[in-house]
């Protein structure tokens, strides 16, 4: 079976990139493939912002949570997240802010994308 890394770049509420990535992830997992990680970059990091209540739109939060519950690490680019006010507890303490990161996400650097090039069979960008 194949090992995938998903790279998501678009905002969860502006484009269909998240829906496409979710559908792809769910299909891969059903088929027995492995998803090494989902790396959220640029405005895609808004998926990890806690306490969002999009009115009239399907929340991607619960859908990504279902993927995470299958053992897939959901990684937000730390630089992009911090610029957009998304902090885990460690970064919140460092910058004197409140933690705003949903619990099933982690902050990681771009080195994760470099690692994906060696430990994944395919990197798929959305």
PDB file of N, CA and C in Angstrom:
ATOM      1  N   UNK A   1       0.827  -1.186   0.000  1.00  0.00           N
ATOM      2  CA  UNK A   1       0.000   0.000   0.000  1.00  0.00           C
ATOM      3  C   UNK A   1       0.875   1.255   0.000  1.00  0.00           C
ATOM      4  N   UNK A   2       0.334   2.321  -0.518  1.00  0.00           N
ATOM      5  CA  UNK A   2       1.080   3.572  -0.667  1.00  0.00           C
ATOM      6  C   UNK A   2       1.024   4.425   0.600  1.00  0.00           C
ATOM      7  N   UNK A   3       2.072   5.249   0.769  1.00  0.00           N
ATOM      8  CA  UNK A   3       2.150   6.206   1.873  1.00  0.00           C
ATOM      9  C   UNK A   3       2.037   7.613   1.294  1.00  0.00           C
ATOM     10  N   UNK A   4       1.078   8.383   1.793  1.00  0.00           N
ATOM     11  CA  UNK A   4       0.805   9.717   1.274  1.00  0.00           C
ATOM     12  C   UNK A   4       1.060  10.783   2.328  1.00  0.00           C
ATOM     13  N   UNK A   5       1.463  11.964   1.862  1.00  0.00           N
ATOM     14  CA  UNK A   5       1.419  13.193   2.646  1.00  0.00           C
ATOM     15  C   UNK A   5       0.523  14.144   1.880  1.00  0.00           C
ATOM     16  N   UNK A   6      -0.386  14.787   2.593  1.00  0.00           N
ATOM     17  CA  UNK A   6      -1.267  15.771   1.970  1.00  0.00           C
ATOM     18  C   UNK A   6      -0.805  17.160   2.379  1.00  0.00           C
ATOM     19  N   UNK A   7      -0.711  18.049   1.406  1.00  0.00           N
ATOM     20  CA  UNK A   7      -0.335  19.443   1.633  1.00  0.00           C
ATOM     21  C   UNK A   7      -1.546  20.290   1.259  1.00  0.00           C
ATOM     22  N   UNK A   8      -2.129  20.957   2.246  1.00  0.00           N
ATOM     23  CA  UNK A   8      -3.334  21.758   2.025  1.00  0.00           C
ATOM     24  C   UNK A   8      -2.946  23.220   2.176  1.00  0.00           C
ATOM     25  N   UNK A   9      -3.293  24.052   1.170  1.00  0.00           N
ATOM     26  CA  UNK A   9      -2.840  25.445   1.155  1.00  0.00           C
ATOM     27  C   UNK A   9      -3.959  26.473   1.243  1.00  0.00           C
ATOM     28  N   UNK A  10      -5.175  26.108   0.931  1.00  0.00           N
ATOM     29  CA  UNK A  10      -6.259  27.098   0.853  1.00  0.00           C
ATOM     30  C   UNK A  10      -7.037  27.202   2.157  1.00  0.00           C
ATOM     31  N   UNK A  11      -7.668  28.341   2.354  1.00  0.00           N
ATOM     32  CA  UNK A  11      -8.519  28.542   3.524  1.00  0.00           C
ATOM     33  C   UNK A  11      -9.644  27.514   3.524  1.00  0.00           C
ATOM     34  N   UNK A  12     -10.027  27.028   4.685  1.00  0.00           N
ATOM     35  CA  UNK A  12     -11.085  26.021   4.733  1.00  0.00           C
ATOM     36  C   UNK A  12     -12.454  26.544   4.322  1.00  0.00           C
ATOM     37  N   UNK A  13     -12.635  27.859   4.281  1.00  0.00           N
ATOM     38  CA  UNK A  13     -13.956  28.406   3.993  1.00  0.00           C
ATOM     39  C   UNK A  13     -14.012  29.254   2.731  1.00  0.00           C
ATOM     40  N   UNK A  14     -12.962  29.237   1.928  1.00  0.00           N
ATOM     41  CA  UNK A  14     -12.947  30.031   0.707  1.00  0.00           C
ATOM     42  C   UNK A  14     -12.952  29.147  -0.535  1.00  0.00           C
ATOM     43  N   UNK A  15     -12.257  28.057  -0.486  1.00  0.00           N
ATOM     44  CA  UNK A  15     -12.123  27.194  -1.664  1.00  0.00           C
ATOM     45  C   UNK A  15     -12.510  25.765  -1.298  1.00  0.00           C
ATOM     46  N   UNK A  16     -12.562  24.913  -2.282  1.00  0.00           N
ATOM     47  CA  UNK A  16     -12.926  23.515  -2.069  1.00  0.00           C
ATOM     48  C   UNK A  16     -11.733  22.627  -1.761  1.00  0.00           C
ATOM     49  N   UNK A  17     -10.572  23.197  -1.561  1.00  0.00           N
ATOM     50  CA  UNK A  17      -9.377  22.402  -1.315  1.00  0.00           C
ATOM     51  C   UNK A  17      -9.498  21.472  -0.128  1.00  0.00           C
ATOM     52  N   UNK A  18     -10.101  21.959   0.952  1.00  0.00           N
ATOM     53  CA  UNK A  18     -10.252  21.116   2.145  1.00  0.00           C
ATOM     54  C   UNK A  18     -11.213  19.964   1.877  1.00  0.00           C
ATOM     55  N   UNK A  19     -12.305  20.251   1.193  1.00  0.00           N
ATOM     56  CA  UNK A  19     -13.259  19.172   0.886  1.00  0.00           C
ATOM     57  C   UNK A  19     -12.618  18.114  -0.002  1.00  0.00           C
ATOM     58  N   UNK A  20     -11.854  18.566  -0.975  1.00  0.00           N
ATOM     59  CA  UNK A  20     -11.164  17.618  -1.860  1.00  0.00           C
ATOM     60  C   UNK A  20     -10.125  16.816  -1.084  1.00  0.00           C
ATOM     61  N   UNK A  21      -9.363  17.489  -0.225  1.00  0.00           N
ATOM     62  CA  UNK A  21      -8.348  16.800   0.579  1.00  0.00           C
ATOM     63  C   UNK A  21      -8.997  15.799   1.527  1.00  0.00           C
ATOM     64  N   UNK A  22     -10.114  16.181   2.138  1.00  0.00           N
ATOM     65  CA  UNK A  22     -10.828  15.272   3.037  1.00  0.00           C
ATOM     66  C   UNK A  22     -11.340  14.046   2.293  1.00  0.00           C
ATOM     67  N   UNK A  23     -11.936  14.268   1.133  1.00  0.00           N
ATOM     68  CA  UNK A  23     -12.450  13.141   0.348  1.00  0.00           C
ATOM     69  C   UNK A  23     -11.310  12.210  -0.055  1.00  0.00           C
ATOM     70  N   UNK A  24     -10.187  12.790  -0.461  1.00  0.00           N
ATOM     71  CA  UNK A  24      -9.026  11.990  -0.841  1.00  0.00           C
ATOM     72  C   UNK A  24      -8.504  11.202   0.356  1.00  0.00           C
ATOM     73  N   UNK A  25      -8.377  11.871   1.503  1.00  0.00           N
ATOM     74  CA  UNK A  25      -7.877  11.213   2.715  1.00  0.00           C
ATOM     75  C   UNK A  25      -8.782  10.055   3.115  1.00  0.00           C
ATOM     76  N   UNK A  26     -10.072  10.283   3.103  1.00  0.00           N
ATOM     77  CA  UNK A  26     -11.016   9.233   3.488  1.00  0.00           C
ATOM     78  C   UNK A  26     -10.951   8.052   2.524  1.00  0.00           C
ATOM     79  N   UNK A  27     -10.833   8.337   1.234  1.00  0.00           N
ATOM     80  CA  UNK A  27     -10.734   7.258   0.239  1.00  0.00           C
ATOM     81  C   UNK A  27      -9.434   6.469   0.424  1.00  0.00           C
ATOM     82  N   UNK A  28      -8.335   7.173   0.678  1.00  0.00           N
ATOM     83  CA  UNK A  28      -7.046   6.493   0.906  1.00  0.00           C
ATOM     84  C   UNK A  28      -7.119   5.572   2.110  1.00  0.00           C
ATOM     85  N   UNK A  29      -7.661   6.077   3.191  1.00  0.00           N
ATOM     86  CA  UNK A  29      -7.734   5.281   4.417  1.00  0.00           C
ATOM     87  C   UNK A  29      -8.652   4.070   4.237  1.00  0.00           C
ATOM     88  N   UNK A  30      -9.773   4.258   3.541  1.00  0.00           N
ATOM     89  CA  UNK A  30     -10.679   3.128   3.270  1.00  0.00           C
ATOM     90  C   UNK A  30      -9.998   2.059   2.432  1.00  0.00           C
ATOM     91  N   UNK A  31      -9.129   2.495   1.517  1.00  0.00           N
ATOM     92  CA  UNK A  31      -8.443   1.556   0.621  1.00  0.00           C
ATOM     93  C   UNK A  31      -7.231   0.899   1.282  1.00  0.00           C
ATOM     94  N   UNK A  32      -6.933   1.277   2.519  1.00  0.00           N
ATOM     95  CA  UNK A  32      -5.822   0.659   3.233  1.00  0.00           C
ATOM     96  C   UNK A  32      -4.486   1.353   3.075  1.00  0.00           C
ATOM     97  N   UNK A  33      -4.469   2.508   2.423  1.00  0.00           N
ATOM     98  CA  UNK A  33      -3.235   3.276   2.292  1.00  0.00           C
ATOM     99  C   UNK A  33      -2.936   3.992   3.609  1.00  0.00           C
ATOM    100  N   UNK A  34      -1.730   4.501   3.720  1.00  0.00           N
ATOM    101  CA  UNK A  34      -1.306   5.235   4.910  1.00  0.00           C
ATOM    102  C   UNK A  34      -1.170   6.709   4.564  1.00  0.00           C
ATOM    103  N   UNK A  35      -1.671   7.549   5.441  1.00  0.00           N
ATOM    104  CA  UNK A  35      -1.426   8.985   5.313  1.00  0.00           C
ATOM    105  C   UNK A  35      -0.435   9.344   6.409  1.00  0.00           C
ATOM    106  N   UNK A  36       0.771   9.708   5.989  1.00  0.00           N
ATOM    107  CA  UNK A  36       1.850  10.020   6.928  1.00  0.00           C
ATOM    108  C   UNK A  36       1.530  11.264   7.757  1.00  0.00           C
ATOM    109  N   UNK A  37       0.958  12.259   7.096  1.00  0.00           N
ATOM    110  CA  UNK A  37       0.641  13.532   7.741  1.00  0.00           C
ATOM    111  C   UNK A  37      -0.232  14.343   6.796  1.00  0.00           C
ATOM    112  N   UNK A  38      -0.964  15.295   7.364  1.00  0.00           N
ATOM    113  CA  UNK A  38      -1.610  16.348   6.579  1.00  0.00           C
ATOM    114  C   UNK A  38      -0.968  17.637   7.059  1.00  0.00           C
ATOM    115  N   UNK A  39      -0.329  18.353   6.134  1.00  0.00           N
ATOM    116  CA  UNK A  39       0.376  19.585   6.479  1.00  0.00           C
ATOM    117  C   UNK A  39      -0.426  20.760   5.933  1.00  0.00           C
ATOM    118  N   UNK A  40      -0.855  21.639   6.833  1.00  0.00           N
ATOM    119  CA  UNK A  40      -1.648  22.810   6.465  1.00  0.00           C
ATOM    120  C   UNK A  40      -0.712  24.009   6.378  1.00  0.00           C
ATOM    121  N   UNK A  41      -0.743  24.680   5.229  1.00  0.00           N
ATOM    122  CA  UNK A  41       0.185  25.763   4.933  1.00  0.00           C
ATOM    123  C   UNK A  41      -0.617  26.979   4.493  1.00  0.00           C
ATOM    124  N   UNK A  42      -0.049  28.147   4.608  1.00  0.00           N
ATOM    125  CA  UNK A  42      -0.684  29.409   4.239  1.00  0.00           C
ATOM    126  C   UNK A  42      -2.033  29.534   4.956  1.00  0.00           C
ATOM    127  N   UNK A  43      -3.095  29.953   4.257  1.00  0.00           N
ATOM    128  CA  UNK A  43      -4.388  30.156   4.916  1.00  0.00           C
ATOM    129  C   UNK A  43      -5.078  28.865   5.332  1.00  0.00           C
ATOM    130  N   UNK A  44      -4.571  27.734   4.916  1.00  0.00           N
ATOM    131  CA  UNK A  44      -5.160  26.458   5.343  1.00  0.00           C
ATOM    132  C   UNK A  44      -5.034  26.256   6.847  1.00  0.00           C
ATOM    133  N   UNK A  45      -4.097  26.969   7.492  1.00  0.00           N
ATOM    134  CA  UNK A  45      -3.921  26.809   8.938  1.00  0.00           C
ATOM    135  C   UNK A  45      -5.159  27.229   9.720  1.00  0.00           C
ATOM    136  N   UNK A  46      -6.045  28.000   9.117  1.00  0.00           N
ATOM    137  CA  UNK A  46      -7.271  28.393   9.813  1.00  0.00           C
ATOM    138  C   UNK A  46      -8.126  27.186  10.194  1.00  0.00           C
ATOM    139  N   UNK A  47      -7.883  26.045   9.590  1.00  0.00           N
ATOM    140  CA  UNK A  47      -8.608  24.826   9.971  1.00  0.00           C
ATOM    141  C   UNK A  47      -8.334  24.458  11.421  1.00  0.00           C
ATOM    142  N   UNK A  48      -7.192  24.846  11.952  1.00  0.00           N
ATOM    143  CA  UNK A  48      -6.821  24.500  13.315  1.00  0.00           C
ATOM    144  C   UNK A  48      -7.212  25.525  14.363  1.00  0.00           C
ATOM    145  N   UNK A  49      -7.879  26.590  13.945  1.00  0.00           N
ATOM    146  CA  UNK A  49      -8.281  27.641  14.877  1.00  0.00           C
ATOM    147  C   UNK A  49      -9.487  27.184  15.686  1.00  0.00           C
ATOM    148  N   UNK A  50      -9.354  27.187  16.990  1.00  0.00           N
ATOM    149  CA  UNK A  50     -10.436  26.725  17.872  1.00  0.00           C
ATOM    150  C   UNK A  50     -11.598  27.713  17.870  1.00  0.00           C
ATOM    151  N   UNK A  51     -12.753  27.199  18.207  1.00  0.00           N
ATOM    152  CA  UNK A  51     -13.970  27.979  18.414  1.00  0.00           C
ATOM    153  C   UNK A  51     -14.442  28.719  17.180  1.00  0.00           C
ATOM    154  N   UNK A  52     -14.347  28.083  16.035  1.00  0.00           N
ATOM    155  CA  UNK A  52     -14.920  28.643  14.824  1.00  0.00           C
ATOM    156  C   UNK A  52     -16.340  28.121  14.695  1.00  0.00           C
ATOM    157  N   UNK A  53     -17.229  28.974  14.293  1.00  0.00           N
ATOM    158  CA  UNK A  53     -18.611  28.561  14.063  1.00  0.00           C
ATOM    159  C   UNK A  53     -19.070  29.118  12.724  1.00  0.00           C
ATOM    160  N   UNK A  54     -18.671  28.465  11.625  1.00  0.00           N
ATOM    161  CA  UNK A  54     -19.048  28.978  10.312  1.00  0.00           C
ATOM    162  C   UNK A  54     -20.553  28.852  10.098  1.00  0.00           C
ATOM    163  N   UNK A  55     -21.205  29.960   9.881  1.00  0.00           N
ATOM    164  CA  UNK A  55     -22.649  29.945   9.705  1.00  0.00           C
ATOM    165  C   UNK A  55     -22.998  29.588   8.270  1.00  0.00           C
ATOM    166  N   UNK A  56     -23.887  28.633   8.127  1.00  0.00           N
ATOM    167  CA  UNK A  56     -24.357  28.244   6.809  1.00  0.00           C
ATOM    168  C   UNK A  56     -23.375  27.404   6.023  1.00  0.00           C
ATOM    169  N   UNK A  57     -22.294  26.964   6.654  1.00  0.00           N
ATOM    170  CA  UNK A  57     -21.295  26.151   5.973  1.00  0.00           C
ATOM    171  C   UNK A  57     -20.993  24.918   6.808  1.00  0.00           C
ATOM    172  N   UNK A  58     -20.604  23.868   6.140  1.00  0.00           N
ATOM    173  CA  UNK A  58     -20.200  22.660   6.840  1.00  0.00           C
ATOM    174  C   UNK A  58     -18.861  22.906   7.522  1.00  0.00           C
ATOM    175  N   UNK A  59     -18.770  22.554   8.775  1.00  0.00           N
ATOM    176  CA  UNK A  59     -17.516  22.716   9.506  1.00  0.00           C
ATOM    177  C   UNK A  59     -16.558  21.600   9.121  1.00  0.00           C
ATOM    178  N   UNK A  60     -15.374  21.977   8.691  1.00  0.00           N
ATOM    179  CA  UNK A  60     -14.370  20.964   8.367  1.00  0.00           C
ATOM    180  C   UNK A  60     -13.730  20.414   9.636  1.00  0.00           C
ATOM    181  N   UNK A  61     -13.951  21.086  10.760  1.00  0.00           N
ATOM    182  CA  UNK A  61     -13.342  20.668  12.023  1.00  0.00           C
ATOM    183  C   UNK A  61     -13.666  19.215  12.353  1.00  0.00           C
ATOM    184  N   UNK A  62     -14.930  18.852  12.318  1.00  0.00           N
ATOM    185  CA  UNK A  62     -15.324  17.487  12.664  1.00  0.00           C
ATOM    186  C   UNK A  62     -14.818  16.480  11.637  1.00  0.00           C
ATOM    187  N   UNK A  63     -14.760  16.888  10.384  1.00  0.00           N
ATOM    188  CA  UNK A  63     -14.275  15.981   9.344  1.00  0.00           C
ATOM    189  C   UNK A  63     -12.782  15.707   9.504  1.00  0.00           C
ATOM    190  N   UNK A  64     -11.994  16.743   9.801  1.00  0.00           N
ATOM    191  CA  UNK A  64     -10.561  16.531  10.022  1.00  0.00           C
ATOM    192  C   UNK A  64     -10.333  15.753  11.318  1.00  0.00           C
ATOM    193  N   UNK A  65     -11.167  15.980  12.314  1.00  0.00           N
ATOM    194  CA  UNK A  65     -11.058  15.223  13.561  1.00  0.00           C
ATOM    195  C   UNK A  65     -11.219  13.727  13.292  1.00  0.00           C
ATOM    196  N   UNK A  66     -12.158  13.374  12.425  1.00  0.00           N
ATOM    197  CA  UNK A  66     -12.361  11.960  12.079  1.00  0.00           C
ATOM    198  C   UNK A  66     -11.115  11.372  11.424  1.00  0.00           C
ATOM    199  N   UNK A  67     -10.425  12.156  10.610  1.00  0.00           N
ATOM    200  CA  UNK A  67      -9.178  11.702   9.984  1.00  0.00           C
ATOM    201  C   UNK A  67      -8.098  11.537  11.059  1.00  0.00           C
ATOM    202  N   UNK A  68      -8.000  12.510  11.958  1.00  0.00           N
ATOM    203  CA  UNK A  68      -6.999  12.444  13.036  1.00  0.00           C
ATOM    204  C   UNK A  68      -7.233  11.225  13.923  1.00  0.00           C
ATOM    205  N   UNK A  69      -8.482  10.879  14.148  1.00  0.00           N
ATOM    206  CA  UNK A  69      -8.801   9.725  14.999  1.00  0.00           C
ATOM    207  C   UNK A  69      -8.376   8.398  14.375  1.00  0.00           C
ATOM    208  N   UNK A  70      -8.020   8.425  13.101  1.00  0.00           N
ATOM    209  CA  UNK A  70      -7.515   7.226  12.434  1.00  0.00           C
ATOM    210  C   UNK A  70      -5.984   7.186  12.448  1.00  0.00           C
ATOM    211  N   UNK A  71      -5.378   8.028  13.278  1.00  0.00           N
ATOM    212  CA  UNK A  71      -3.930   8.000  13.455  1.00  0.00           C
ATOM    213  C   UNK A  71      -3.147   8.921  12.546  1.00  0.00           C
ATOM    214  N   UNK A  72      -3.815   9.847  11.886  1.00  0.00           N
ATOM    215  CA  UNK A  72      -3.140  10.781  10.982  1.00  0.00           C
ATOM    216  C   UNK A  72      -2.824  12.059  11.754  1.00  0.00           C
ATOM    217  N   UNK A  73      -1.547  12.475  11.719  1.00  0.00           N
ATOM    218  CA  UNK A  73      -1.172  13.718  12.396  1.00  0.00           C
ATOM    219  C   UNK A  73      -1.540  14.909  11.520  1.00  0.00           C
ATOM    220  N   UNK A  74      -2.264  15.855  12.107  1.00  0.00           N
ATOM    221  CA  UNK A  74      -2.654  17.088  11.428  1.00  0.00           C
ATOM    222  C   UNK A  74      -1.689  18.178  11.868  1.00  0.00           C
ATOM    223  N   UNK A  75      -0.873  18.662  10.938  1.00  0.00           N
ATOM    224  CA  UNK A  75       0.204  19.599  11.250  1.00  0.00           C
ATOM    225  C   UNK A  75      -0.073  20.959  10.627  1.00  0.00           C
ATOM    226  N   UNK A  76       0.005  21.997  11.446  1.00  0.00           N
ATOM    227  CA  UNK A  76      -0.092  23.358  10.936  1.00  0.00           C
ATOM    228  C   UNK A  76       1.307  23.935  10.835  1.00  0.00           C
ATOM    229  N   UNK A  77       1.587  24.639   9.753  1.00  0.00           N
ATOM    230  CA  UNK A  77       2.861  25.349   9.631  1.00  0.00           C
ATOM    231  C   UNK A  77       2.937  26.369  10.767  1.00  0.00           C
ATOM    232  N   UNK A  78       3.952  26.253  11.590  1.00  0.00           N
ATOM    233  CA  UNK A  78       4.037  27.105  12.778  1.00  0.00           C
ATOM    234  C   UNK A  78       4.143  28.582  12.416  1.00  0.00           C
ATOM    235  N   UNK A  79       4.931  28.924  11.404  1.00  0.00           N
ATOM    236  CA  UNK A  79       5.087  30.333  11.032  1.00  0.00           C
ATOM    237  C   UNK A  79       3.771  30.913  10.535  1.00  0.00           C
ATOM    238  N   UNK A  80       3.071  30.176   9.677  1.00  0.00           N
ATOM    239  CA  UNK A  80       1.789  30.648   9.162  1.00  0.00           C
ATOM    240  C   UNK A  80       0.747  30.728  10.271  1.00  0.00           C
ATOM    241  N   UNK A  81       0.756  29.774  11.178  1.00  0.00           N
ATOM    242  CA  UNK A  81      -0.216  29.770  12.275  1.00  0.00           C
ATOM    243  C   UNK A  81       0.002  30.964  13.202  1.00  0.00           C
ATOM    244  N   UNK A  82       1.241  31.198  13.608  1.00  0.00           N
ATOM    245  CA  UNK A  82       1.512  32.301  14.529  1.00  0.00           C
ATOM    246  C   UNK A  82       1.146  33.642  13.909  1.00  0.00           C
ATOM    247  N   UNK A  83       1.420  33.811  12.616  1.00  0.00           N
ATOM    248  CA  UNK A  83       1.061  35.064  11.931  1.00  0.00           C
ATOM    249  C   UNK A  83      -0.442  35.300  11.922  1.00  0.00           C
ATOM    250  N   UNK A  84      -1.210  34.226  12.029  1.00  0.00           N
ATOM    251  CA  UNK A  84      -2.671  34.320  11.968  1.00  0.00           C
ATOM    252  C   UNK A  84      -3.319  34.173  13.349  1.00  0.00           C
ATOM    253  N   UNK A  85      -2.511  34.257  14.390  1.00  0.00           N
ATOM    254  CA  UNK A  85      -3.048  34.235  15.742  1.00  0.00           C
ATOM    255  C   UNK A  85      -3.436  32.869  16.255  1.00  0.00           C
ATOM    256  N   UNK A  86      -2.824  31.828  15.714  1.00  0.00           N
ATOM    257  CA  UNK A  86      -3.108  30.465  16.154  1.00  0.00           C
ATOM    258  C   UNK A  86      -1.906  29.984  16.965  1.00  0.00           C
ATOM    259  N   UNK A  87      -2.128  29.761  18.267  1.00  0.00           N
ATOM    260  CA  UNK A  87      -1.060  29.411  19.197  1.00  0.00           C
ATOM    261  C   UNK A  87      -1.400  28.122  19.929  1.00  0.00           C
ATOM    262  N   UNK A  88      -0.421  27.220  20.069  1.00  0.00           N
ATOM    263  CA  UNK A  88      -0.579  26.122  21.024  1.00  0.00           C
ATOM    264  C   UNK A  88      -0.206  26.692  22.394  1.00  0.00           C
ATOM    265  N   UNK A  89      -0.299  25.882  23.435  1.00  0.00           N
ATOM    266  CA  UNK A  89      -0.050  26.413  24.781  1.00  0.00           C
ATOM    267  C   UNK A  89       1.381  26.909  24.946  1.00  0.00           C
ATOM    268  N   UNK A  90       2.339  26.184  24.386  1.00  0.00           N
ATOM    269  CA  UNK A  90       3.745  26.589  24.514  1.00  0.00           C
ATOM    270  C   UNK A  90       3.996  27.942  23.860  1.00  0.00           C
ATOM    271  N   UNK A  91       3.491  28.133  22.641  1.00  0.00           N
ATOM    272  CA  UNK A  91       3.695  29.409  21.942  1.00  0.00           C
ATOM    273  C   UNK A  91       2.878  30.521  22.587  1.00  0.00           C
ATOM    274  N   UNK A  92       1.697  30.198  23.096  1.00  0.00           N
ATOM    275  CA  UNK A  92       0.882  31.199  23.788  1.00  0.00           C
ATOM    276  C   UNK A  92       1.620  31.723  25.015  1.00  0.00           C
ATOM    277  N   UNK A  93       2.241  30.818  25.767  1.00  0.00           N
ATOM    278  CA  UNK A  93       3.017  31.236  26.936  1.00  0.00           C
ATOM    279  C   UNK A  93       4.204  32.104  26.522  1.00  0.00           C
ATOM    280  N   UNK A  94       4.854  31.734  25.437  1.00  0.00           N
ATOM    281  CA  UNK A  94       6.025  32.484  24.966  1.00  0.00           C
ATOM    282  C   UNK A  94       5.654  33.905  24.559  1.00  0.00           C
ATOM    283  N   UNK A  95       4.505  34.070  23.897  1.00  0.00           N
ATOM    284  CA  UNK A  95       4.122  35.376  23.363  1.00  0.00           C
ATOM    285  C   UNK A  95       3.079  36.104  24.207  1.00  0.00           C
ATOM    286  N   UNK A  96       2.723  35.541  25.363  1.00  0.00           N
ATOM    287  CA  UNK A  96       1.745  36.200  26.219  1.00  0.00           C
ATOM    288  C   UNK A  96       0.354  36.240  25.611  1.00  0.00           C
ATOM    289  N   UNK A  97      -0.026  35.181  24.931  1.00  0.00           N
ATOM    290  CA  UNK A  97      -1.331  35.093  24.269  1.00  0.00           C
ATOM    291  C   UNK A  97      -2.138  33.948  24.873  1.00  0.00           C
ATOM    292  N   UNK A  98      -3.345  33.779  24.387  1.00  0.00           N
ATOM    293  CA  UNK A  98      -4.154  32.623  24.763  1.00  0.00           C
ATOM    294  C   UNK A  98      -3.978  31.546  23.706  1.00  0.00           C
ATOM    295  N   UNK A  99      -4.003  30.299  24.146  1.00  0.00           N
ATOM    296  CA  UNK A  99      -3.924  29.182  23.199  1.00  0.00           C
ATOM    297  C   UNK A  99      -5.202  29.155  22.367  1.00  0.00           C
ATOM    298  N   UNK A 100      -5.045  29.041  21.052  1.00  0.00           N
ATOM    299  CA  UNK A 100      -6.195  29.039  20.145  1.00  0.00           C
ATOM    300  C   UNK A 100      -6.179  27.838  19.204  1.00  0.00           C
ATOM    301  N   UNK A 101      -5.284  26.901  19.449  1.00  0.00           N
ATOM    302  CA  UNK A 101      -5.139  25.731  18.585  1.00  0.00           C
ATOM    303  C   UNK A 101      -6.073  24.620  19.047  1.00  0.00           C
ATOM    304  N   UNK A 102      -6.804  24.038  18.100  1.00  0.00           N
ATOM    305  CA  UNK A 102      -7.641  22.888  18.424  1.00  0.00           C
ATOM    306  C   UNK A 102      -6.756  21.728  18.863  1.00  0.00           C
ATOM    307  N   UNK A 103      -7.282  20.912  19.737  1.00  0.00           N
ATOM    308  CA  UNK A 103      -6.473  19.879  20.387  1.00  0.00           C
ATOM    309  C   UNK A 103      -5.955  18.795  19.452  1.00  0.00           C
ATOM    310  N   UNK A 104      -6.588  18.550  18.328  1.00  0.00           N
ATOM    311  CA  UNK A 104      -6.135  17.468  17.454  1.00  0.00           C
ATOM    312  C   UNK A 104      -5.160  17.934  16.365  1.00  0.00           C
ATOM    313  N   UNK A 105      -4.645  19.155  16.499  1.00  0.00           N
ATOM    314  CA  UNK A 105      -3.627  19.684  15.588  1.00  0.00           C
ATOM    315  C   UNK A 105      -2.330  19.912  16.355  1.00  0.00           C
ATOM    316  N   UNK A 106      -1.214  19.915  15.615  1.00  0.00           N
ATOM    317  CA  UNK A 106       0.082  20.257  16.192  1.00  0.00           C
ATOM    318  C   UNK A 106       0.752  21.294  15.298  1.00  0.00           C
ATOM    319  N   UNK A 107       1.611  22.108  15.889  1.00  0.00           N
ATOM    320  CA  UNK A 107       2.390  23.085  15.125  1.00  0.00           C
ATOM    321  C   UNK A 107       3.717  22.449  14.745  1.00  0.00           C
ATOM    322  N   UNK A 108       4.083  22.552  13.470  1.00  0.00           N
ATOM    323  CA  UNK A 108       5.330  21.979  12.968  1.00  0.00           C
ATOM    324  C   UNK A 108       5.950  22.946  11.960  1.00  0.00           C
ATOM    325  N   UNK A 109       7.243  22.775  11.733  1.00  0.00           N
ATOM    326  CA  UNK A 109       7.959  23.595  10.764  1.00  0.00           C
ATOM    327  C   UNK A 109       7.931  22.989   9.371  1.00  0.00           C
ATOM    328  N   UNK A 110       8.447  23.742   8.416  1.00  0.00           N
ATOM    329  CA  UNK A 110       8.484  23.275   7.023  1.00  0.00           C
ATOM    330  C   UNK A 110       9.371  22.056   6.831  1.00  0.00           C
ATOM    331  N   UNK A 111      10.207  21.766   7.805  1.00  0.00           N
ATOM    332  CA  UNK A 111      11.026  20.557   7.732  1.00  0.00           C
ATOM    333  C   UNK A 111      10.182  19.307   7.580  1.00  0.00           C
ATOM    334  N   UNK A 112       8.935  19.358   8.040  1.00  0.00           N
ATOM    335  CA  UNK A 112       8.025  18.218   7.885  1.00  0.00           C
ATOM    336  C   UNK A 112       7.740  17.934   6.413  1.00  0.00           C
ATOM    337  N   UNK A 113       7.655  18.989   5.615  1.00  0.00           N
ATOM    338  CA  UNK A 113       7.426  18.795   4.178  1.00  0.00           C
ATOM    339  C   UNK A 113       8.668  18.173   3.551  1.00  0.00           C
ATOM    340  N   UNK A 114       9.844  18.612   3.988  1.00  0.00           N
ATOM    341  CA  UNK A 114      11.085  18.001   3.493  1.00  0.00           C
ATOM    342  C   UNK A 114      11.146  16.530   3.879  1.00  0.00           C
ATOM    343  N   UNK A 115      10.770  16.202   5.104  1.00  0.00           N
ATOM    344  CA  UNK A 115      10.739  14.799   5.538  1.00  0.00           C
ATOM    345  C   UNK A 115       9.756  13.988   4.708  1.00  0.00           C
ATOM    346  N   UNK A 116       8.659  14.620   4.347  1.00  0.00           N
ATOM    347  CA  UNK A 116       7.641  13.924   3.554  1.00  0.00           C
ATOM    348  C   UNK A 116       8.197  13.454   2.216  1.00  0.00           C
ATOM    349  N   UNK A 117       9.157  14.195   1.691  1.00  0.00           N
ATOM    350  CA  UNK A 117       9.731  13.818   0.400  1.00  0.00           C
ATOM    351  C   UNK A 117      10.502  12.510   0.479  1.00  0.00           C
ATOM    352  N   UNK A 118      10.981  12.161   1.666  1.00  0.00           N
ATOM    353  CA  UNK A 118      11.733  10.918   1.800  1.00  0.00           C
ATOM    354  C   UNK A 118      10.916   9.778   2.388  1.00  0.00           C
ATOM    355  N   UNK A 119       9.907  10.090   3.199  1.00  0.00           N
ATOM    356  CA  UNK A 119       9.174   8.994   3.838  1.00  0.00           C
ATOM    357  C   UNK A 119       7.767   8.767   3.301  1.00  0.00           C
ATOM    358  N   UNK A 120       7.383   9.472   2.251  1.00  0.00           N
ATOM    359  CA  UNK A 120       6.085   9.252   1.608  1.00  0.00           C
ATOM    360  C   UNK A 120       6.309   8.831   0.162  1.00  0.00           C
ATOM    361  N   UNK A 121       5.419   8.001  -0.336  1.00  0.00           N
ATOM    362  CA  UNK A 121       5.490   7.629  -1.749  1.00  0.00           C
ATOM    363  C   UNK A 121       4.990   8.756  -2.643  1.00  0.00           C
ATOM    364  N   UNK A 122       4.012   9.500  -2.131  1.00  0.00           N
ATOM    365  CA  UNK A 122       3.419  10.595  -2.897  1.00  0.00           C
ATOM    366  C   UNK A 122       3.095  11.758  -1.972  1.00  0.00           C
ATOM    367  N   UNK A 123       3.288  12.975  -2.482  1.00  0.00           N
ATOM    368  CA  UNK A 123       2.820  14.185  -1.816  1.00  0.00           C
ATOM    369  C   UNK A 123       1.747  14.765  -2.719  1.00  0.00           C
ATOM    370  N   UNK A 124       0.564  14.956  -2.163  1.00  0.00           N
ATOM    371  CA  UNK A 124      -0.562  15.455  -2.946  1.00  0.00           C
ATOM    372  C   UNK A 124      -0.949  16.816  -2.385  1.00  0.00           C
ATOM    373  N   UNK A 125      -0.981  17.821  -3.265  1.00  0.00           N
ATOM    374  CA  UNK A 125      -1.275  19.192  -2.844  1.00  0.00           C
ATOM    375  C   UNK A 125      -2.704  19.566  -3.201  1.00  0.00           C
ATOM    376  N   UNK A 126      -3.352  20.242  -2.265  1.00  0.00           N
ATOM    377  CA  UNK A 126      -4.727  20.720  -2.477  1.00  0.00           C
ATOM    378  C   UNK A 126      -4.778  22.208  -2.231  1.00  0.00           C
TER     379      UNK A 126
END
